[in-house]
Amino acid sequence: MKPSTITTKLVLVPSFSKGGDTIKEGKRDRVKRILSAALVYLFLSLMALLCLFPFYYMIAASFMSYEEATNGSLFASFATMGENFINNYTQTIARLNFLSHVGTTLLVAMTTTLFQLLTTILASFAFAKLHFKGRDILFVLFLATMMIPGEMLAITNYSTFSSLDLISQNQNYLQAVLTMVLPLIASVFYIFLLRQNFKQIPNELYLAAKV
C-alpha cells in the first residue's frame, strides 16, 4: 500500500475587524485631544479675561461720570464719554498734583535702576570671578537674606532712617526720595542671577581683558 498524502491549503481571509478597531481608537484619541485642548484654551481665556478686566475697567472708568462709576456701570455712556474724559483727567492733574507725583516716580525708578545696575554688576562679578577668603560663605549669607520677607524689614528701615534724620515732620523732597531709593539700591536676587551668567564666561576672556 502506498502511503496516502494529505495536502492542506491555507486560505488567508482578510479581517477588517482589527483595522476597524484601530481606526475607531484613532478617532477617539483625536476627539479626546481636541476636547482637552479646547478645555485648556477655554480655561486660559477665562483667566486672561480675569487678569485684563481690572485694566479695562480702569480705562473705562476714566470715561465715566461720577454717577456711572459709583453705580457699578461697566461701560461708559457714548454720548458723554468725551466730556467726562476731559473733565476727569483735568481735575486729576489739577487737584492731585499728578504731574509732580509722576516726576517723583520716574526719578525714584531711574535712580534705583542706576544704583542697582552698579551694585549688582560689581557684586556679581566679585562673587563669580574674584577669589578671596570667605567668598562662598558670604554669598550664602547673601542668599539667606532672600528668605526674609520685606514686611519684616519695614520697621528696621523706618528706625534706621529716623536715626539718620531722614524721616521727620519737616521732611523735605530730597529726604523723601532718599527714603524710597536707599532700601532698593541693591538686589540679592539680581546679584545671584548675574553671578550665574558671569560664571558661564570662560576665565580666558577675563584674563585676556585683564592683560
N, C-alpha and C. Protein backbone atom coordinates (compact mmCIF):
# COMPACT_ATOMS: atom_id res chain seq x y z
N MET A 1 0.84 -1.19 0.00
CA MET A 1 0.00 0.00 0.00
C MET A 1 0.88 1.25 0.00
N LYS A 2 0.42 2.16 -0.80
CA LYS A 2 1.16 3.43 -0.85
C LYS A 2 0.64 4.38 0.23
N PRO A 3 1.57 4.95 0.87
CA PRO A 3 1.12 5.90 1.90
C PRO A 3 0.38 7.07 1.26
N SER A 4 -0.71 7.38 1.86
CA SER A 4 -1.52 8.48 1.31
C SER A 4 -0.98 9.82 1.80
N THR A 5 -0.99 10.73 0.95
CA THR A 5 -0.51 12.09 1.28
C THR A 5 -1.69 13.02 1.41
N ILE A 6 -1.65 13.81 2.43
CA ILE A 6 -2.73 14.76 2.68
C ILE A 6 -2.21 16.16 2.42
N THR A 7 -2.84 16.83 1.57
CA THR A 7 -2.43 18.20 1.19
C THR A 7 -3.41 19.19 1.80
N THR A 8 -2.87 20.13 2.52
CA THR A 8 -3.72 21.16 3.13
C THR A 8 -3.42 22.49 2.48
N LYS A 9 -4.42 23.25 2.32
CA LYS A 9 -4.29 24.58 1.72
C LYS A 9 -4.69 25.63 2.76
N LEU A 10 -3.86 26.61 2.87
CA LEU A 10 -4.15 27.72 3.77
C LEU A 10 -4.79 28.84 2.98
N VAL A 11 -5.93 29.20 3.44
CA VAL A 11 -6.66 30.28 2.77
C VAL A 11 -6.63 31.49 3.70
N LEU A 12 -6.05 32.58 3.22
CA LEU A 12 -5.96 33.81 4.00
C LEU A 12 -7.20 34.65 3.75
N VAL A 13 -7.96 34.81 4.80
CA VAL A 13 -9.18 35.61 4.70
C VAL A 13 -8.90 36.95 5.36
N PRO A 14 -9.01 38.05 4.66
CA PRO A 14 -8.74 39.36 5.27
C PRO A 14 -9.72 39.66 6.38
N SER A 15 -9.18 40.20 7.47
CA SER A 15 -10.01 40.55 8.62
C SER A 15 -10.08 42.07 8.73
N PHE A 16 -11.28 42.56 8.74
CA PHE A 16 -11.48 44.01 8.81
C PHE A 16 -11.78 44.49 10.22
N SER A 17 -11.99 43.55 11.13
CA SER A 17 -12.38 43.96 12.48
C SER A 17 -11.24 44.67 13.20
N LYS A 18 -10.01 44.15 13.09
CA LYS A 18 -8.89 44.76 13.78
C LYS A 18 -8.57 46.14 13.23
N GLY A 19 -8.57 46.24 11.90
CA GLY A 19 -8.32 47.55 11.30
C GLY A 19 -9.40 48.54 11.66
N GLY A 20 -10.64 48.08 11.70
CA GLY A 20 -11.73 48.98 12.08
C GLY A 20 -11.60 49.47 13.50
N ASP A 21 -11.17 48.57 14.41
CA ASP A 21 -10.97 48.98 15.80
C ASP A 21 -9.86 50.02 15.91
N THR A 22 -8.81 49.84 15.12
CA THR A 22 -7.70 50.80 15.14
C THR A 22 -8.15 52.17 14.68
N ILE A 23 -8.96 52.20 13.64
CA ILE A 23 -9.47 53.48 13.14
C ILE A 23 -10.36 54.15 14.18
N LYS A 24 -11.21 53.34 14.83
CA LYS A 24 -12.09 53.91 15.85
C LYS A 24 -11.29 54.46 17.03
N GLU A 25 -10.24 53.71 17.44
CA GLU A 25 -9.41 54.19 18.54
C GLU A 25 -8.70 55.49 18.16
N GLY A 26 -8.23 55.56 16.90
CA GLY A 26 -7.59 56.79 16.44
C GLY A 26 -8.54 57.97 16.46
N LYS A 27 -9.79 57.73 16.05
CA LYS A 27 -10.78 58.81 16.08
C LYS A 27 -11.07 59.25 17.51
N ARG A 28 -11.18 58.25 18.42
CA ARG A 28 -11.45 58.60 19.81
C ARG A 28 -10.30 59.41 20.41
N ASP A 29 -9.07 59.00 20.11
CA ASP A 29 -7.92 59.74 20.62
C ASP A 29 -7.90 61.17 20.07
N ARG A 30 -8.26 61.28 18.80
CA ARG A 30 -8.27 62.62 18.19
C ARG A 30 -9.33 63.50 18.84
N VAL A 31 -10.50 62.92 19.09
CA VAL A 31 -11.57 63.69 19.75
C VAL A 31 -11.15 64.09 21.15
N LYS A 32 -10.49 63.17 21.88
CA LYS A 32 -10.03 63.48 23.23
C LYS A 32 -9.02 64.62 23.21
N ARG A 33 -8.09 64.58 22.24
CA ARG A 33 -7.09 65.65 22.15
C ARG A 33 -7.75 66.99 21.86
N ILE A 34 -8.72 66.97 20.95
CA ILE A 34 -9.41 68.22 20.60
C ILE A 34 -10.17 68.77 21.80
N LEU A 35 -10.88 67.88 22.52
CA LEU A 35 -11.64 68.33 23.68
C LEU A 35 -10.73 68.85 24.80
N SER A 36 -9.64 68.14 25.04
CA SER A 36 -8.71 68.58 26.08
C SER A 36 -8.08 69.93 25.72
N ALA A 37 -7.71 70.08 24.44
CA ALA A 37 -7.14 71.37 24.01
C ALA A 37 -8.17 72.48 24.13
N ALA A 38 -9.43 72.18 23.77
CA ALA A 38 -10.49 73.19 23.87
C ALA A 38 -10.71 73.61 25.32
N LEU A 39 -10.70 72.64 26.24
CA LEU A 39 -10.88 72.96 27.66
C LEU A 39 -9.71 73.79 28.19
N VAL A 40 -8.50 73.44 27.76
CA VAL A 40 -7.33 74.20 28.22
C VAL A 40 -7.40 75.64 27.73
N TYR A 41 -7.72 75.82 26.44
CA TYR A 41 -7.80 77.18 25.90
C TYR A 41 -8.96 77.96 26.50
N LEU A 42 -10.06 77.27 26.81
CA LEU A 42 -11.18 77.94 27.46
C LEU A 42 -10.78 78.43 28.86
N PHE A 43 -10.08 77.57 29.60
CA PHE A 43 -9.62 77.96 30.93
C PHE A 43 -8.64 79.13 30.86
N LEU A 44 -7.69 79.06 29.91
CA LEU A 44 -6.72 80.14 29.76
C LEU A 44 -7.39 81.44 29.34
N SER A 45 -8.41 81.34 28.50
CA SER A 45 -9.13 82.54 28.07
C SER A 45 -9.86 83.18 29.25
N LEU A 46 -10.48 82.36 30.10
CA LEU A 46 -11.16 82.90 31.27
C LEU A 46 -10.17 83.57 32.23
N MET A 47 -9.02 82.94 32.43
CA MET A 47 -8.01 83.54 33.30
C MET A 47 -7.48 84.85 32.71
N ALA A 48 -7.31 84.88 31.37
CA ALA A 48 -6.85 86.11 30.73
C ALA A 48 -7.87 87.23 30.90
N LEU A 49 -9.16 86.89 30.79
CA LEU A 49 -10.20 87.91 30.98
C LEU A 49 -10.19 88.44 32.41
N LEU A 50 -10.00 87.54 33.38
CA LEU A 50 -9.94 87.98 34.78
C LEU A 50 -8.75 88.90 35.03
N CYS A 51 -7.63 88.61 34.37
CA CYS A 51 -6.44 89.45 34.55
C CYS A 51 -6.57 90.79 33.83
N LEU A 52 -7.23 90.79 32.67
CA LEU A 52 -7.34 92.01 31.88
C LEU A 52 -8.48 92.91 32.31
N PHE A 53 -9.45 92.36 33.03
CA PHE A 53 -10.62 93.16 33.40
C PHE A 53 -10.27 94.38 34.25
N PRO A 54 -9.39 94.27 35.27
CA PRO A 54 -9.06 95.49 36.04
C PRO A 54 -8.47 96.59 35.18
N PHE A 55 -7.63 96.23 34.20
CA PHE A 55 -7.06 97.24 33.32
C PHE A 55 -8.14 97.87 32.44
N TYR A 56 -9.04 97.03 31.95
CA TYR A 56 -10.14 97.56 31.14
C TYR A 56 -10.99 98.52 31.95
N TYR A 57 -11.35 98.12 33.17
CA TYR A 57 -12.24 98.95 33.98
C TYR A 57 -11.54 100.24 34.41
N MET A 58 -10.25 100.19 34.63
CA MET A 58 -9.50 101.39 34.98
C MET A 58 -9.59 102.42 33.86
N ILE A 59 -9.46 101.95 32.61
CA ILE A 59 -9.55 102.87 31.48
C ILE A 59 -11.00 103.29 31.23
N ALA A 60 -11.93 102.32 31.34
CA ALA A 60 -13.34 102.64 31.09
C ALA A 60 -13.87 103.63 32.12
N ALA A 61 -13.43 103.51 33.37
CA ALA A 61 -13.93 104.41 34.41
C ALA A 61 -13.49 105.85 34.17
N SER A 62 -12.37 106.03 33.47
CA SER A 62 -11.94 107.40 33.19
C SER A 62 -12.84 108.09 32.18
N PHE A 63 -13.66 107.33 31.46
CA PHE A 63 -14.63 107.91 30.52
C PHE A 63 -16.02 108.04 31.13
N MET A 64 -16.18 107.66 32.40
CA MET A 64 -17.49 107.68 33.04
C MET A 64 -17.65 108.93 33.91
N SER A 65 -18.88 109.27 34.14
CA SER A 65 -19.18 110.31 35.12
C SER A 65 -19.13 109.70 36.53
N TYR A 66 -19.22 110.57 37.53
CA TYR A 66 -19.17 110.07 38.91
C TYR A 66 -20.34 109.14 39.20
N GLU A 67 -21.52 109.48 38.68
CA GLU A 67 -22.70 108.65 38.91
C GLU A 67 -22.55 107.28 38.26
N GLU A 68 -22.02 107.24 37.04
CA GLU A 68 -21.84 105.96 36.35
C GLU A 68 -20.82 105.09 37.06
N ALA A 69 -19.75 105.70 37.54
CA ALA A 69 -18.70 104.92 38.21
C ALA A 69 -19.18 104.35 39.54
N THR A 70 -19.97 105.13 40.28
CA THR A 70 -20.44 104.67 41.59
C THR A 70 -21.62 103.71 41.48
N ASN A 71 -22.31 103.71 40.36
CA ASN A 71 -23.44 102.79 40.17
C ASN A 71 -23.01 101.41 39.67
N GLY A 72 -21.73 101.22 39.44
CA GLY A 72 -21.24 99.92 39.01
C GLY A 72 -21.38 99.66 37.53
N SER A 73 -21.44 100.71 36.72
CA SER A 73 -21.55 100.51 35.27
C SER A 73 -20.23 99.98 34.73
N LEU A 74 -20.34 99.08 33.77
CA LEU A 74 -19.15 98.51 33.13
C LEU A 74 -18.79 99.24 31.85
N PHE A 75 -19.72 100.01 31.30
CA PHE A 75 -19.48 100.71 30.04
C PHE A 75 -19.86 102.18 30.22
N ALA A 76 -19.07 103.04 29.63
CA ALA A 76 -19.34 104.46 29.69
C ALA A 76 -20.39 104.84 28.66
N SER A 77 -21.15 105.87 28.97
CA SER A 77 -22.16 106.37 28.03
C SER A 77 -21.46 107.02 26.84
N PHE A 78 -21.83 106.59 25.65
CA PHE A 78 -21.16 107.09 24.45
C PHE A 78 -21.41 108.57 24.24
N ALA A 79 -22.55 109.07 24.70
CA ALA A 79 -22.90 110.48 24.45
C ALA A 79 -22.05 111.43 25.27
N THR A 80 -21.66 111.02 26.47
CA THR A 80 -20.94 111.93 27.37
C THR A 80 -19.51 111.48 27.68
N MET A 81 -19.04 110.43 27.02
CA MET A 81 -17.72 109.90 27.38
C MET A 81 -16.60 110.89 27.07
N GLY A 82 -16.72 111.64 25.98
CA GLY A 82 -15.68 112.60 25.65
C GLY A 82 -15.57 113.71 26.67
N GLU A 83 -16.72 114.26 27.07
CA GLU A 83 -16.73 115.32 28.07
C GLU A 83 -16.25 114.81 29.42
N ASN A 84 -16.68 113.60 29.79
CA ASN A 84 -16.24 113.02 31.06
C ASN A 84 -14.74 112.78 31.07
N PHE A 85 -14.21 112.32 29.95
CA PHE A 85 -12.78 112.05 29.86
C PHE A 85 -11.97 113.32 30.11
N ILE A 86 -12.35 114.40 29.47
CA ILE A 86 -11.62 115.66 29.63
C ILE A 86 -11.74 116.18 31.06
N ASN A 87 -12.94 116.14 31.61
CA ASN A 87 -13.15 116.64 32.98
C ASN A 87 -12.39 115.80 34.01
N ASN A 88 -12.46 114.48 33.86
CA ASN A 88 -11.80 113.60 34.84
C ASN A 88 -10.30 113.81 34.87
N TYR A 89 -9.66 113.84 33.71
CA TYR A 89 -8.21 113.97 33.68
C TYR A 89 -7.78 115.38 34.05
N THR A 90 -8.57 116.38 33.69
CA THR A 90 -8.23 117.76 34.07
C THR A 90 -8.27 117.92 35.58
N GLN A 91 -9.31 117.40 36.22
CA GLN A 91 -9.42 117.51 37.67
C GLN A 91 -8.34 116.69 38.38
N THR A 92 -8.00 115.53 37.82
CA THR A 92 -6.96 114.70 38.44
C THR A 92 -5.62 115.40 38.41
N ILE A 93 -5.27 115.98 37.27
CA ILE A 93 -3.98 116.66 37.14
C ILE A 93 -3.94 117.92 38.00
N ALA A 94 -5.06 118.62 38.08
CA ALA A 94 -5.08 119.90 38.81
C ALA A 94 -5.15 119.70 40.32
N ARG A 95 -6.00 118.82 40.79
CA ARG A 95 -6.24 118.68 42.23
C ARG A 95 -5.16 117.87 42.94
N LEU A 96 -4.70 116.80 42.31
CA LEU A 96 -3.80 115.87 42.99
C LEU A 96 -2.33 116.12 42.70
N ASN A 97 -2.02 117.20 42.00
CA ASN A 97 -0.62 117.48 41.64
C ASN A 97 -0.01 116.25 40.95
N PHE A 98 -0.75 115.74 39.99
CA PHE A 98 -0.44 114.46 39.37
C PHE A 98 0.92 114.46 38.68
N LEU A 99 1.24 115.52 37.96
CA LEU A 99 2.50 115.56 37.21
C LEU A 99 3.70 115.53 38.15
N SER A 100 3.57 116.16 39.31
CA SER A 100 4.66 116.12 40.29
C SER A 100 4.87 114.70 40.81
N HIS A 101 3.78 113.98 41.04
CA HIS A 101 3.90 112.60 41.51
C HIS A 101 4.51 111.70 40.43
N VAL A 102 4.14 111.93 39.18
CA VAL A 102 4.72 111.15 38.09
C VAL A 102 6.22 111.44 37.98
N GLY A 103 6.61 112.70 38.13
CA GLY A 103 8.03 113.04 38.09
C GLY A 103 8.81 112.39 39.22
N THR A 104 8.22 112.35 40.41
CA THR A 104 8.87 111.68 41.54
C THR A 104 9.02 110.19 41.28
N THR A 105 7.99 109.59 40.71
CA THR A 105 8.05 108.16 40.40
C THR A 105 9.15 107.87 39.40
N LEU A 106 9.26 108.68 38.35
CA LEU A 106 10.31 108.49 37.35
C LEU A 106 11.69 108.69 37.96
N LEU A 107 11.83 109.68 38.83
CA LEU A 107 13.12 109.93 39.48
C LEU A 107 13.53 108.75 40.35
N VAL A 108 12.61 108.25 41.15
CA VAL A 108 12.91 107.11 42.02
C VAL A 108 13.23 105.87 41.19
N ALA A 109 12.47 105.64 40.13
CA ALA A 109 12.69 104.45 39.30
C ALA A 109 14.05 104.51 38.60
N MET A 110 14.39 105.64 38.02
CA MET A 110 15.67 105.75 37.31
C MET A 110 16.85 105.70 38.27
N THR A 111 16.73 106.36 39.41
CA THR A 111 17.83 106.34 40.38
C THR A 111 18.03 104.94 40.95
N THR A 112 16.94 104.28 41.27
CA THR A 112 17.03 102.91 41.79
C THR A 112 17.64 101.97 40.77
N THR A 113 17.22 102.09 39.52
CA THR A 113 17.77 101.24 38.46
C THR A 113 19.26 101.48 38.28
N LEU A 114 19.68 102.74 38.30
CA LEU A 114 21.10 103.06 38.14
C LEU A 114 21.94 102.46 39.26
N PHE A 115 21.50 102.64 40.50
CA PHE A 115 22.26 102.10 41.63
C PHE A 115 22.23 100.57 41.65
N GLN A 116 21.11 99.98 41.28
CA GLN A 116 21.05 98.52 41.24
C GLN A 116 21.98 97.95 40.17
N LEU A 117 22.05 98.60 39.02
CA LEU A 117 22.99 98.15 37.99
C LEU A 117 24.42 98.22 38.51
N LEU A 118 24.76 99.30 39.17
CA LEU A 118 26.12 99.47 39.66
C LEU A 118 26.47 98.42 40.71
N THR A 119 25.64 98.28 41.72
CA THR A 119 25.93 97.34 42.80
C THR A 119 25.82 95.89 42.34
N THR A 120 24.86 95.60 41.47
CA THR A 120 24.65 94.22 41.04
C THR A 120 25.80 93.74 40.18
N ILE A 121 26.25 94.55 39.24
CA ILE A 121 27.34 94.15 38.35
C ILE A 121 28.63 93.94 39.13
N LEU A 122 28.96 94.87 40.01
CA LEU A 122 30.20 94.75 40.77
C LEU A 122 30.17 93.56 41.72
N ALA A 123 29.07 93.38 42.45
CA ALA A 123 29.00 92.29 43.42
C ALA A 123 28.96 90.93 42.73
N SER A 124 28.18 90.80 41.67
CA SER A 124 28.09 89.51 40.98
C SER A 124 29.40 89.14 40.32
N PHE A 125 30.13 90.12 39.77
CA PHE A 125 31.43 89.82 39.18
C PHE A 125 32.41 89.38 40.26
N ALA A 126 32.38 90.01 41.42
CA ALA A 126 33.28 89.62 42.50
C ALA A 126 32.99 88.21 42.98
N PHE A 127 31.73 87.85 43.12
CA PHE A 127 31.38 86.50 43.57
C PHE A 127 31.67 85.45 42.50
N ALA A 128 31.72 85.83 41.24
CA ALA A 128 31.90 84.85 40.16
C ALA A 128 33.37 84.67 39.78
N LYS A 129 34.15 85.76 39.73
CA LYS A 129 35.49 85.68 39.15
C LYS A 129 36.62 85.97 40.12
N LEU A 130 36.35 86.68 41.18
CA LEU A 130 37.42 87.00 42.13
C LEU A 130 37.49 85.94 43.22
N HIS A 131 38.70 85.66 43.65
CA HIS A 131 38.92 84.65 44.69
C HIS A 131 39.44 85.34 45.95
N PHE A 132 38.65 85.31 46.99
CA PHE A 132 39.05 85.90 48.26
C PHE A 132 38.51 85.02 49.38
N LYS A 133 39.08 85.15 50.54
CA LYS A 133 38.73 84.30 51.67
C LYS A 133 37.30 84.57 52.13
N GLY A 134 36.55 83.48 52.28
CA GLY A 134 35.17 83.60 52.74
C GLY A 134 34.18 84.00 51.68
N ARG A 135 34.58 83.89 50.41
CA ARG A 135 33.68 84.31 49.32
C ARG A 135 32.40 83.50 49.30
N ASP A 136 32.52 82.19 49.34
CA ASP A 136 31.34 81.33 49.24
C ASP A 136 30.43 81.48 50.47
N ILE A 137 31.04 81.60 51.65
CA ILE A 137 30.24 81.78 52.86
C ILE A 137 29.47 83.10 52.80
N LEU A 138 30.15 84.14 52.35
CA LEU A 138 29.49 85.44 52.23
C LEU A 138 28.35 85.39 51.21
N PHE A 139 28.56 84.65 50.13
CA PHE A 139 27.50 84.54 49.12
C PHE A 139 26.29 83.78 49.67
N VAL A 140 26.55 82.74 50.46
CA VAL A 140 25.44 82.00 51.08
C VAL A 140 24.67 82.90 52.05
N LEU A 141 25.39 83.73 52.79
CA LEU A 141 24.72 84.67 53.70
C LEU A 141 23.87 85.68 52.92
N PHE A 142 24.38 86.09 51.77
CA PHE A 142 23.59 86.98 50.91
C PHE A 142 22.30 86.29 50.47
N LEU A 143 22.41 85.04 50.05
CA LEU A 143 21.23 84.31 49.59
C LEU A 143 20.25 84.08 50.74
N ALA A 144 20.76 83.91 51.94
CA ALA A 144 19.88 83.68 53.09
C ALA A 144 18.97 84.87 53.36
N THR A 145 19.41 86.06 52.99
CA THR A 145 18.56 87.23 53.21
C THR A 145 17.33 87.23 52.32
N MET A 146 17.33 86.43 51.26
CA MET A 146 16.16 86.35 50.40
C MET A 146 14.98 85.68 51.10
N MET A 147 15.26 84.92 52.15
CA MET A 147 14.18 84.26 52.88
C MET A 147 13.48 85.19 53.87
N ILE A 148 14.00 86.39 54.04
CA ILE A 148 13.38 87.34 54.97
C ILE A 148 12.32 88.14 54.20
N PRO A 149 11.07 88.10 54.63
CA PRO A 149 10.03 88.88 53.93
C PRO A 149 10.30 90.37 54.03
N GLY A 150 9.90 91.09 53.00
CA GLY A 150 10.10 92.53 53.00
C GLY A 150 9.34 93.24 54.09
N GLU A 151 8.21 92.66 54.51
CA GLU A 151 7.43 93.29 55.58
C GLU A 151 8.19 93.34 56.90
N MET A 152 9.07 92.36 57.12
CA MET A 152 9.83 92.34 58.37
C MET A 152 10.90 93.43 58.40
N LEU A 153 11.27 93.95 57.24
CA LEU A 153 12.30 94.98 57.18
C LEU A 153 11.73 96.39 57.29
N ALA A 154 10.41 96.51 57.25
CA ALA A 154 9.81 97.85 57.25
C ALA A 154 10.13 98.60 58.53
N ILE A 155 10.00 97.93 59.68
CA ILE A 155 10.23 98.60 60.96
C ILE A 155 11.71 98.96 61.12
N THR A 156 12.60 98.03 60.75
CA THR A 156 14.03 98.32 60.88
C THR A 156 14.45 99.44 59.94
N ASN A 157 13.90 99.46 58.73
CA ASN A 157 14.23 100.56 57.81
C ASN A 157 13.73 101.90 58.36
N TYR A 158 12.54 101.88 58.92
CA TYR A 158 12.00 103.12 59.50
C TYR A 158 12.87 103.61 60.65
N SER A 159 13.31 102.68 61.50
CA SER A 159 14.17 103.07 62.62
C SER A 159 15.51 103.62 62.12
N THR A 160 16.05 102.99 61.09
CA THR A 160 17.34 103.45 60.54
C THR A 160 17.22 104.84 59.95
N PHE A 161 16.19 105.06 59.15
CA PHE A 161 16.02 106.38 58.53
C PHE A 161 15.68 107.45 59.57
N SER A 162 14.97 107.06 60.62
CA SER A 162 14.68 108.03 61.68
C SER A 162 15.95 108.45 62.41
N SER A 163 16.84 107.48 62.64
CA SER A 163 18.10 107.81 63.31
C SER A 163 19.00 108.67 62.43
N LEU A 164 18.81 108.60 61.11
CA LEU A 164 19.58 109.43 60.18
C LEU A 164 18.89 110.76 59.89
N ASP A 165 17.79 111.04 60.59
CA ASP A 165 17.01 112.28 60.41
C ASP A 165 16.47 112.44 58.99
N LEU A 166 16.18 111.30 58.36
CA LEU A 166 15.57 111.35 57.03
C LEU A 166 14.05 111.33 57.11
N ILE A 167 13.52 110.95 58.27
CA ILE A 167 12.07 110.93 58.47
C ILE A 167 11.74 111.85 59.64
N SER A 168 10.99 112.87 59.36
CA SER A 168 10.58 113.82 60.39
C SER A 168 9.36 114.58 59.89
N GLN A 169 8.80 115.41 60.75
CA GLN A 169 7.65 116.21 60.35
C GLN A 169 8.03 117.28 59.34
N ASN A 170 9.29 117.68 59.34
CA ASN A 170 9.76 118.71 58.40
C ASN A 170 10.57 118.07 57.27
N GLN A 171 10.16 116.92 56.83
CA GLN A 171 10.88 116.20 55.78
C GLN A 171 10.79 116.96 54.46
N ASN A 172 11.95 117.16 53.83
CA ASN A 172 11.96 117.84 52.55
C ASN A 172 11.91 116.83 51.40
N TYR A 173 11.94 117.35 50.17
CA TYR A 173 11.78 116.48 48.99
C TYR A 173 12.93 115.50 48.85
N LEU A 174 14.16 115.96 49.07
CA LEU A 174 15.33 115.09 48.93
C LEU A 174 15.30 113.97 49.95
N GLN A 175 14.93 114.28 51.17
CA GLN A 175 14.84 113.24 52.20
C GLN A 175 13.77 112.20 51.86
N ALA A 176 12.66 112.65 51.30
CA ALA A 176 11.60 111.72 50.91
C ALA A 176 12.07 110.79 49.80
N VAL A 177 12.82 111.33 48.85
CA VAL A 177 13.33 110.49 47.75
C VAL A 177 14.36 109.50 48.28
N LEU A 178 15.22 109.93 49.18
CA LEU A 178 16.25 109.04 49.72
C LEU A 178 15.63 107.88 50.49
N THR A 179 14.57 108.12 51.23
CA THR A 179 13.92 107.03 51.97
C THR A 179 13.31 105.99 51.05
N MET A 180 12.99 106.37 49.82
CA MET A 180 12.45 105.41 48.86
C MET A 180 13.54 104.73 48.04
N VAL A 181 14.68 105.40 47.85
CA VAL A 181 15.74 104.86 46.99
C VAL A 181 16.69 103.96 47.77
N LEU A 182 17.10 104.38 48.95
CA LEU A 182 18.14 103.65 49.68
C LEU A 182 17.80 102.18 49.96
N PRO A 183 16.56 101.80 50.32
CA PRO A 183 16.30 100.37 50.54
C PRO A 183 16.37 99.52 49.28
N LEU A 184 16.41 100.15 48.11
CA LEU A 184 16.35 99.40 46.86
C LEU A 184 17.61 99.51 46.03
N ILE A 185 18.71 100.01 46.61
CA ILE A 185 19.90 100.21 45.79
C ILE A 185 20.62 98.90 45.50
N ALA A 186 20.26 97.82 46.16
CA ALA A 186 20.88 96.51 45.91
C ALA A 186 19.81 95.44 45.90
N SER A 187 20.01 94.43 45.06
CA SER A 187 19.07 93.32 44.96
C SER A 187 19.84 92.01 44.99
N VAL A 188 19.60 91.21 46.01
CA VAL A 188 20.30 89.93 46.15
C VAL A 188 19.91 88.99 45.01
N PHE A 189 18.66 89.01 44.61
CA PHE A 189 18.22 88.11 43.54
C PHE A 189 18.94 88.42 42.24
N TYR A 190 19.08 89.69 41.89
CA TYR A 190 19.77 90.06 40.65
C TYR A 190 21.26 89.77 40.75
N ILE A 191 21.83 89.90 41.94
CA ILE A 191 23.24 89.53 42.12
C ILE A 191 23.42 88.04 41.86
N PHE A 192 22.54 87.22 42.40
CA PHE A 192 22.60 85.78 42.16
C PHE A 192 22.42 85.46 40.68
N LEU A 193 21.45 86.10 40.03
CA LEU A 193 21.17 85.82 38.63
C LEU A 193 22.35 86.21 37.74
N LEU A 194 22.92 87.38 37.97
CA LEU A 194 24.03 87.83 37.14
C LEU A 194 25.30 87.06 37.45
N ARG A 195 25.46 86.61 38.68
CA ARG A 195 26.63 85.78 39.02
C ARG A 195 26.62 84.49 38.22
N GLN A 196 25.45 83.88 38.05
CA GLN A 196 25.38 82.65 37.26
C GLN A 196 25.76 82.92 35.81
N ASN A 197 25.41 84.08 35.28
CA ASN A 197 25.80 84.41 33.91
C ASN A 197 27.29 84.67 33.80
N PHE A 198 27.88 85.34 34.79
CA PHE A 198 29.31 85.59 34.78
C PHE A 198 30.11 84.29 34.87
N LYS A 199 29.59 83.31 35.61
CA LYS A 199 30.31 82.04 35.75
C LYS A 199 30.36 81.26 34.44
N GLN A 200 29.45 81.54 33.52
CA GLN A 200 29.46 80.86 32.23
C GLN A 200 30.48 81.46 31.26
N ILE A 201 31.01 82.62 31.57
CA ILE A 201 32.03 83.24 30.72
C ILE A 201 33.38 82.59 31.01
N PRO A 202 34.10 82.13 29.98
CA PRO A 202 35.40 81.48 30.23
C PRO A 202 36.38 82.42 30.92
N ASN A 203 37.19 81.84 31.80
CA ASN A 203 38.18 82.64 32.51
C ASN A 203 39.24 83.21 31.58
N GLU A 204 39.44 82.55 30.43
CA GLU A 204 40.44 83.04 29.48
C GLU A 204 40.09 84.44 28.98
N LEU A 205 38.81 84.70 28.77
CA LEU A 205 38.40 86.03 28.33
C LEU A 205 38.67 87.07 29.41
N TYR A 206 38.41 86.71 30.66
CA TYR A 206 38.67 87.63 31.77
C TYR A 206 40.17 87.91 31.90
N LEU A 207 40.99 86.86 31.80
CA LEU A 207 42.43 87.04 31.91
C LEU A 207 42.99 87.84 30.74
N ALA A 208 42.44 87.59 29.54
CA ALA A 208 42.90 88.35 28.37
C ALA A 208 42.54 89.83 28.51
N ALA A 209 41.35 90.11 29.01
CA ALA A 209 40.97 91.51 29.21
C ALA A 209 41.79 92.16 30.32
N LYS A 210 42.16 91.37 31.32
CA LYS A 210 42.96 91.90 32.42
C LYS A 210 44.35 92.28 31.95
N VAL A 211 44.92 91.48 31.03
CA VAL A 211 46.25 91.79 30.50
C VAL A 211 46.18 93.03 29.61
